[in-house]
Protein backbone atom coordinates (compact mmCIF):
# COMPACT_ATOMS: atom_id res chain seq x y z
CA MET A 1 86.74 53.75 198.42
CA ARG A 2 86.16 56.61 196.01
CA LYS A 3 82.00 55.90 196.96
CA ARG A 4 82.55 56.64 200.76
CA ASN A 5 85.34 59.87 200.23
CA GLU A 6 82.51 61.12 198.28
CA SER A 7 79.99 60.81 201.00
CA VAL A 8 81.82 62.08 203.27
CA THR A 9 82.84 65.30 201.63
CA VAL A 10 78.75 65.20 200.93
CA GLU A 11 78.43 64.62 204.91
CA HIS A 12 80.49 68.20 205.96
CA GLU A 13 79.10 70.24 202.90
CA ARG A 14 75.75 69.62 204.22
CA ALA A 15 76.55 70.15 207.71
CA ALA A 16 78.51 73.16 206.50
CA ALA A 17 75.03 74.31 205.04
CA ALA A 18 72.96 73.86 208.04
CA PRO A 19 71.41 76.81 210.26
CA ALA A 20 72.24 77.37 213.42
CA PRO A 21 71.66 75.36 216.37
CA LEU A 22 68.60 76.10 218.45
CA ASP A 23 69.08 77.06 222.24
CA LYS A 24 66.12 75.77 224.54
CA GLY A 25 64.50 79.38 224.57
CA CYS A 26 64.61 78.64 220.58
CA SER A 27 66.60 81.28 220.06
CA LEU A 28 69.82 81.78 217.96
CA ARG A 29 73.15 80.63 219.48
CA HIS A 30 74.94 83.80 217.18
CA SER A 31 73.04 86.84 218.01
CA LEU A 32 72.32 88.67 214.44
CA ARG A 33 73.33 91.90 215.21
CA LEU A 34 72.97 95.47 213.67
CA PRO A 35 75.97 96.62 211.38
CA ALA A 36 77.73 99.27 213.51
CA ALA A 37 77.12 102.27 211.50
CA ASP A 38 72.73 102.10 212.20
CA THR A 39 74.10 101.52 215.85
CA GLY A 40 76.36 104.87 216.02
CA MET A 41 73.55 106.60 214.60
CA LYS A 42 70.12 106.40 216.38
CA ARG A 43 72.76 106.31 219.71
CA PRO A 44 73.35 110.32 219.33
CA LEU A 45 70.02 110.92 218.04
CA GLY A 46 68.16 109.94 221.01
CA ARG A 47 70.90 111.84 223.04
CA ARG A 48 70.20 115.04 221.13
CA HIS A 49 66.36 114.35 222.10
CA GLY A 50 66.58 113.61 225.15
CA LEU A 51 68.72 117.06 225.54
CA TRP A 52 66.13 119.25 223.71
CA PHE A 53 63.55 118.02 225.69
CA ARG A 54 64.48 118.67 229.44
CA LEU A 55 65.89 122.45 227.39
CA ARG A 56 63.06 123.18 226.41
CA ARG A 57 61.46 121.77 230.04
CA LEU A 58 63.54 123.97 231.83
CA ILE A 59 63.40 127.36 229.72
CA ILE A 60 59.13 127.11 229.96
CA TRP A 61 60.19 126.66 234.47
CA LEU A 62 61.87 129.70 233.96
CA LEU A 63 59.67 131.46 232.01
CA GLY A 64 56.58 130.41 234.53
CA VAL A 65 58.81 131.84 237.16
CA TYR A 66 59.34 135.24 235.78
CA ILE A 67 56.27 135.21 234.74
CA ALA A 68 54.71 134.47 238.05
CA ILE A 69 56.99 137.16 241.09
CA PRO A 70 55.36 140.14 239.24
CA PHE A 71 51.91 138.92 240.26
CA LEU A 72 53.97 137.53 243.33
CA VAL A 73 55.05 140.87 244.52
CA LYS A 74 51.45 142.51 243.86
CA LEU A 75 49.53 140.08 245.97
CA CYS A 76 52.22 140.26 248.86
CA PRO A 77 53.40 143.81 249.00
CA ALA A 78 55.83 142.80 252.33
CA ILE A 79 57.84 141.45 249.79
CA GLN A 80 58.81 144.16 248.41
CA ALA A 81 58.88 145.64 251.83
CA LYS A 82 61.62 143.21 252.46
CA LEU A 83 63.64 143.81 249.17
CA VAL A 84 63.67 147.38 250.05
CA PHE A 85 65.14 146.98 253.41
CA LEU A 86 66.45 143.70 253.28
CA ASN A 87 67.34 143.78 256.97
CA PHE A 88 67.69 139.72 257.06
CA VAL A 89 70.96 140.10 255.35
CA ARG A 90 73.13 140.43 258.43
CA VAL A 91 76.63 141.15 257.54
CA PRO A 92 79.37 140.38 258.12
CA TYR A 93 77.94 136.87 260.06
CA PHE A 94 79.08 135.48 262.84
CA ILE A 95 80.46 138.90 264.87
CA ASP A 96 79.31 139.75 268.49
CA LEU A 97 77.82 143.43 268.00
CA LYS A 98 78.55 144.37 271.10
CA ARG A 99 81.89 143.89 270.93
CA PRO A 100 82.96 146.75 268.33
CA GLN A 101 86.14 146.35 269.74
CA ASP A 102 86.57 143.04 267.77
CA GLN A 103 86.44 144.86 264.58
CA GLY A 104 89.09 147.16 265.95
CA LEU A 105 87.05 150.02 267.32
CA ASN A 106 88.65 150.29 270.45
CA HIS A 107 87.41 153.48 271.54
CA THR A 108 83.87 152.34 270.83
CA CYS A 109 81.13 151.91 273.38
CA ASN A 110 78.41 149.93 272.28
CA TYR A 111 74.58 151.17 274.25
CA TYR A 112 70.75 150.11 274.28
CA LEU A 113 68.08 152.67 273.92
CA GLN A 114 64.36 152.17 273.61
CA PRO A 115 62.88 155.19 271.70
CA GLU A 116 59.09 152.87 271.79
CA GLU A 117 57.64 150.17 273.79
CA ASP A 118 58.84 146.92 272.72
CA VAL A 119 61.82 148.10 270.69
CA THR A 120 64.86 148.00 271.53
CA ILE A 121 68.12 149.57 269.29
CA GLY A 122 71.60 148.82 269.68
CA VAL A 123 74.16 152.03 269.22
CA TRP A 124 77.83 152.21 268.97
CA HIS A 125 79.53 155.58 270.36
CA THR A 126 82.84 155.84 268.93
CA VAL A 127 84.58 158.90 270.32
CA PRO A 128 87.04 161.19 268.76
CA ALA A 129 90.93 159.32 268.30
CA ALA A 130 92.37 162.69 270.73
CA LEU A 131 90.00 160.56 273.40
CA TRP A 132 91.17 157.19 272.07
CA LYS A 133 93.76 156.45 275.29
CA ASN A 134 91.29 157.87 277.49
CA ALA A 135 88.99 155.91 276.73
CA ARG A 136 89.79 152.81 276.86
CA GLY A 137 88.40 150.23 279.71
CA LYS A 138 85.74 153.13 280.43
CA ASP A 139 81.56 152.00 281.19
CA GLN A 140 78.74 153.60 279.34
CA LEU A 141 78.37 157.03 281.36
CA TRP A 142 82.50 157.67 280.84
CA PHE A 143 81.12 158.20 276.67
CA GLU A 144 77.93 159.63 277.50
CA ASP A 145 79.86 162.45 279.28
CA ALA A 146 82.27 162.65 276.78
CA LEU A 147 79.82 163.84 274.63
CA GLY A 148 79.80 166.89 275.81
CA SER A 149 83.71 167.58 275.27
CA SER A 150 84.39 170.00 272.79
CA HIS A 151 84.15 167.81 269.10
CA PRO A 152 81.37 167.01 267.37
CA VAL A 153 79.42 164.94 266.84
CA ILE A 154 78.77 163.09 263.52
CA LEU A 155 74.86 160.53 263.52
CA TYR A 156 75.33 158.38 260.88
CA LEU A 157 72.35 156.98 259.55
CA HIS A 158 73.63 153.39 257.15
CA GLY A 159 71.44 152.28 254.33
CA ASN A 160 70.09 148.79 253.88
CA ALA A 161 71.29 145.66 254.75
CA GLY A 162 73.73 145.26 257.03
CA THR A 163 74.68 146.13 260.27
CA ARG A 164 76.01 149.03 262.03
CA GLY A 165 78.81 146.75 262.21
CA GLY A 166 79.73 146.99 258.14
CA ASP A 167 83.09 146.93 256.96
CA HIS A 168 82.73 149.93 255.31
CA ARG A 169 80.77 151.82 257.87
CA VAL A 170 83.45 151.00 260.54
CA GLU A 171 86.23 152.16 258.34
CA LEU A 172 84.20 155.67 257.98
CA TYR A 173 83.68 155.40 261.49
CA LYS A 174 87.87 155.85 261.62
CA VAL A 175 88.09 158.15 259.43
CA LEU A 176 85.70 160.33 260.99
CA SER A 177 86.72 159.57 263.89
CA SER A 178 90.43 160.35 263.19
CA LEU A 179 89.25 163.99 262.19
CA GLY A 180 88.17 165.03 265.07
CA TYR A 181 84.29 164.05 265.41
CA HIS A 182 82.17 161.80 267.72
CA VAL A 183 80.44 159.35 265.75
CA VAL A 184 76.65 157.54 266.66
CA THR A 185 75.23 155.17 264.40
CA PHE A 186 72.85 152.51 265.47
CA ASP A 187 70.78 149.80 264.02
CA TYR A 188 66.94 150.58 263.12
CA ARG A 189 64.42 148.03 264.78
CA GLY A 190 64.73 145.18 262.88
CA TRP A 191 68.34 145.43 262.07
CA GLY A 192 70.96 143.80 263.75
CA ASP A 193 70.32 143.25 267.05
CA SER A 194 67.63 145.60 267.53
CA ILE A 195 64.28 144.99 268.04
CA GLY A 196 61.18 145.30 266.46
CA SER A 197 59.85 145.55 262.84
CA PRO A 198 61.08 147.66 260.30
CA SER A 199 59.52 150.64 258.81
CA GLU A 200 59.49 154.10 257.22
CA ARG A 201 57.80 156.27 260.15
CA GLY A 202 59.41 153.08 262.83
CA MET A 203 63.54 153.81 261.09
CA THR A 204 62.52 157.55 260.88
CA TYR A 205 61.86 157.73 264.81
CA ASP A 206 64.60 155.45 265.58
CA ALA A 207 66.99 158.18 263.93
CA LEU A 208 64.63 160.89 265.93
CA HIS A 209 65.05 159.18 269.38
CA VAL A 210 69.11 158.86 268.98
CA PHE A 211 69.32 162.54 267.65
CA ASP A 212 67.34 163.37 270.72
CA TRP A 213 70.03 161.48 273.61
CA ILE A 214 72.68 163.40 271.50
CA LYS A 215 71.89 166.42 271.69
CA ALA A 216 70.93 166.06 275.64
CA ARG A 217 74.30 165.00 276.76
CA SER A 218 76.69 167.13 273.60
CA GLY A 219 75.33 170.54 274.82
CA ASP A 220 76.52 172.95 273.05
CA ASN A 221 78.78 171.37 270.65
CA PRO A 222 77.61 170.74 266.86
CA VAL A 223 75.97 167.89 265.52
CA TYR A 224 75.92 166.65 262.03
CA ILE A 225 73.35 164.45 260.06
CA TRP A 226 75.57 161.53 257.97
CA GLY A 227 72.67 159.66 255.62
CA HIS A 228 74.23 157.19 252.62
CA SER A 229 71.94 154.98 250.58
CA LEU A 230 68.79 154.21 252.02
CA GLY A 231 70.30 156.27 255.09
CA THR A 232 69.38 158.91 252.73
CA GLY A 233 66.33 159.05 252.56
CA VAL A 234 65.97 158.45 256.99
CA ALA A 235 68.49 161.38 257.46
CA THR A 236 66.67 163.91 254.60
CA ASN A 237 62.73 162.65 256.66
CA LEU A 238 64.47 163.52 260.14
CA VAL A 239 66.56 166.36 259.32
CA ARG A 240 62.28 167.60 257.70
CA ARG A 241 61.37 167.23 260.99
CA LEU A 242 63.54 168.92 262.88
CA CYS A 243 63.42 171.86 260.82
CA GLU A 244 59.93 171.94 261.55
CA ARG A 245 60.10 171.47 265.10
CA GLU A 246 63.10 174.47 264.88
CA THR A 247 65.48 172.56 265.86
CA PRO A 248 68.27 172.06 262.77
CA PRO A 249 71.72 169.89 263.02
CA GLU A 250 74.27 171.97 261.79
CA ALA A 251 74.58 170.12 258.54
CA LEU A 252 73.36 167.64 256.10
CA ILE A 253 75.27 165.20 254.41
CA LEU A 254 73.99 162.71 252.45
CA GLU A 255 76.62 160.31 250.52
CA SER A 256 75.27 157.98 247.59
CA PRO A 257 71.44 159.84 247.62
CA PHE A 258 68.26 159.25 245.33
CA THR A 259 65.50 161.56 245.02
CA ASN A 260 62.89 158.99 245.63
CA ILE A 261 62.45 155.40 246.41
CA ARG A 262 59.74 155.03 242.83
CA GLU A 263 63.13 156.59 241.27
CA GLU A 264 65.93 154.92 243.05
CA ALA A 265 64.24 151.13 243.01
CA ARG A 266 63.56 151.70 238.95
CA SER A 267 67.04 152.79 238.22
CA HIS A 268 68.64 149.43 241.16
CA PRO A 269 70.31 146.79 239.24
CA PHE A 270 68.00 144.18 239.86
CA SER A 271 64.70 145.82 237.87
CA VAL A 272 66.92 145.33 234.91
CA ILE A 273 65.37 141.79 234.01
CA TYR A 274 61.51 143.36 234.60
CA ARG A 275 62.34 147.30 234.00
CA TYR A 276 60.66 146.04 230.36
CA PHE A 277 57.74 144.48 231.55
CA PRO A 278 54.23 145.88 230.92
CA GLY A 279 52.84 147.20 234.20
CA PHE A 280 56.67 147.36 235.61
CA ASP A 281 55.10 150.39 237.82
CA TRP A 282 51.93 148.80 239.03
CA PHE A 283 53.40 144.92 239.34
CA PHE A 284 56.47 146.80 241.15
CA LEU A 285 57.14 150.33 242.36
CA ASP A 286 53.03 150.35 243.57
CA PRO A 287 53.43 147.51 245.92
CA ILE A 288 56.21 150.31 247.84
CA THR A 289 54.58 153.28 247.95
CA THR A 290 51.27 150.46 249.75
CA SER A 291 53.42 149.36 251.81
CA GLY A 292 54.08 152.81 253.45
CA ILE A 293 58.00 153.43 251.53
CA LYS A 294 58.39 156.56 250.21
CA PHE A 295 61.88 158.04 251.69
CA ALA A 296 60.94 161.22 249.28
CA ASN A 297 64.02 163.05 249.59
CA ASP A 298 63.28 165.34 246.46
CA GLU A 299 60.19 166.34 248.32
CA ASN A 300 61.67 166.66 252.06
CA VAL A 301 65.05 168.84 250.49
CA LYS A 302 62.54 171.37 250.13
CA TYR A 303 61.60 172.06 253.50
CA ILE A 304 64.86 171.44 255.14
CA SER A 305 66.96 175.11 256.03
CA CYS A 306 70.70 173.74 256.93
CA SER A 307 73.83 173.37 255.34
CA LEU A 308 73.47 170.95 252.24
CA LEU A 309 76.61 168.09 251.35
CA ILE A 310 75.79 165.26 249.18
CA LEU A 311 78.83 163.70 247.75
CA HIS A 312 78.71 160.61 244.65
CA ALA A 313 80.34 158.33 243.00
CA GLU A 314 79.62 158.48 239.33
CA ASP A 315 80.68 154.36 238.79
CA ASP A 316 77.90 153.56 241.83
CA PRO A 317 75.83 150.84 240.41
CA VAL A 318 73.38 150.79 243.11
CA VAL A 319 71.98 154.12 243.63
CA PRO A 320 72.62 155.78 239.43
CA PHE A 321 75.06 159.16 239.64
CA HIS A 322 72.47 161.26 237.92
CA LEU A 323 69.95 160.65 240.95
CA GLY A 324 72.03 161.91 243.49
CA LYS A 325 72.90 164.60 240.09
CA LYS A 326 69.32 165.49 240.07
CA LEU A 327 68.68 165.62 244.11
CA TYR A 328 70.84 168.79 244.12
CA ASN A 329 69.89 170.51 241.38
CA ILE A 330 66.14 170.64 243.08
CA ALA A 331 68.25 171.48 246.26
CA ALA A 332 70.04 174.90 244.89
CA THR A 333 66.63 175.73 243.65
CA SER A 334 65.01 175.95 247.07
CA ARG A 335 63.90 178.50 248.85
CA SER A 336 64.26 177.01 252.12
CA PHE A 337 68.55 176.55 251.27
CA ARG A 338 68.77 180.00 250.38
CA ASP A 339 70.70 181.31 253.55
CA TYR A 340 72.70 177.91 253.68
CA LYS A 341 75.43 176.10 251.62
CA VAL A 342 74.52 173.48 249.08
CA GLN A 343 77.42 171.75 247.73
CA PHE A 344 77.53 168.54 245.09
CA VAL A 345 80.95 166.36 245.60
CA PRO A 346 81.02 164.43 242.27
CA PHE A 347 83.65 161.32 242.17
CA HIS A 348 85.62 160.42 238.87
CA THR A 349 84.38 156.35 237.79
CA ASP A 350 88.39 156.17 237.18
CA LEU A 351 88.70 156.35 241.78
CA GLY A 352 86.83 153.63 241.72
CA TYR A 353 84.61 153.90 245.18
CA ARG A 354 81.02 153.20 243.34
CA HIS A 355 78.27 152.95 246.35
CA LYS A 356 80.29 152.23 249.21
CA TYR A 357 84.16 153.11 248.95
CA ILE A 358 84.19 157.38 249.19
CA TYR A 359 85.56 156.47 252.49
CA ARG A 360 88.96 156.12 251.06
CA SER A 361 89.29 159.22 248.88
CA PRO A 362 92.32 161.12 250.68
CA GLU A 363 90.39 164.65 249.64
CA LEU A 364 87.95 163.49 251.98
CA PRO A 365 89.27 165.18 254.86
CA ARG A 366 89.80 168.49 252.71
CA ILE A 367 85.84 168.25 251.64
CA LEU A 368 85.00 167.98 255.13
CA ARG A 369 87.44 170.79 256.54
CA GLU A 370 86.13 173.45 253.81
CA PHE A 371 82.29 172.33 254.45
CA LEU A 372 82.27 171.96 258.21
CA GLY A 373 85.30 173.89 259.47
CA VAL A 374 88.03 172.37 261.04
CA PRO A 375 86.77 170.52 264.73
CA GLU A 376 89.29 171.20 267.19
CA HIS A 377 91.67 168.83 269.09
CA GLU A 378 91.71 167.69 265.76
CA HIS A 379 93.83 164.38 265.17
CA HIS A 380 95.74 163.35 262.06
CA HIS A 381 97.12 159.45 262.42
């Protein structure tokens, strides 16, 4: 019995010491695993390496694009022209420019004029608020005849991007209408629903055509030119030409003006990331000039002979305040203005008017009244 028990014990010990059986694939049924600590270290290391690789690849790609853009702009000056005009940015979207009443302008008529063959421009004419009730339901002929009433006319030249139906523009029309002015505004060729290709020459010619159209209907009523931002470049081009042909407007109003397009482009927030790029002028500014775009307000004011009012907000992030002030200093010392008023009105940073909200100023009616005089039948809300 003792021998039998001993033999059973020995068999159990051998079985315990024997290696685990192999499966059909000649591998151990119980796979050997690495310690948990080793696995935990390898996974984060691999993940970190993958993230760094992707980040490095993104940085290299962005750097390549950053370097390529100046060469692309230089080779294709039309790109820079598009960035100056921004006529392809139509805001607000989804509005019908044929229906100014949809924007709260119930006393406004939409026209279409043709400055040149194959060019058609959309025009809005807002009558003074005193004529509001009479204007309802009237046709284009009534609105044209109304220009001959005893109210002054403001031809408004808007800036780049958007259309004549832009929110801040509409609000200004309402303010000027309430002060007793006709307001005539339009979209340059290539903007809004106007047909044609944008250019500085074309924009100026469109403005000249509309001015002559107004003068043919307004009789002896004063006509003032109001330009905003890029529209100040169109305005000084127009008024210089009018002065040269001895038919100047009664006054020129420049809101947020610059000196010339090169200085404005150099100061624009879009140029910040390239301002210190080697050859910035050659890459970015020369193509603008090559495209025939100058908008030389600083040169034009030397040939303008009419009263000049400049409005500029100190916190303007698009056209720096110092450019408006510089333009005023050039005009104030120009011989062409020696017999005319030249006034600069700044708006303090705390007011928050920035680039396009000067119309909100409660002081604006007083400023215009003192500079232009009081329109007949002035109407206050």
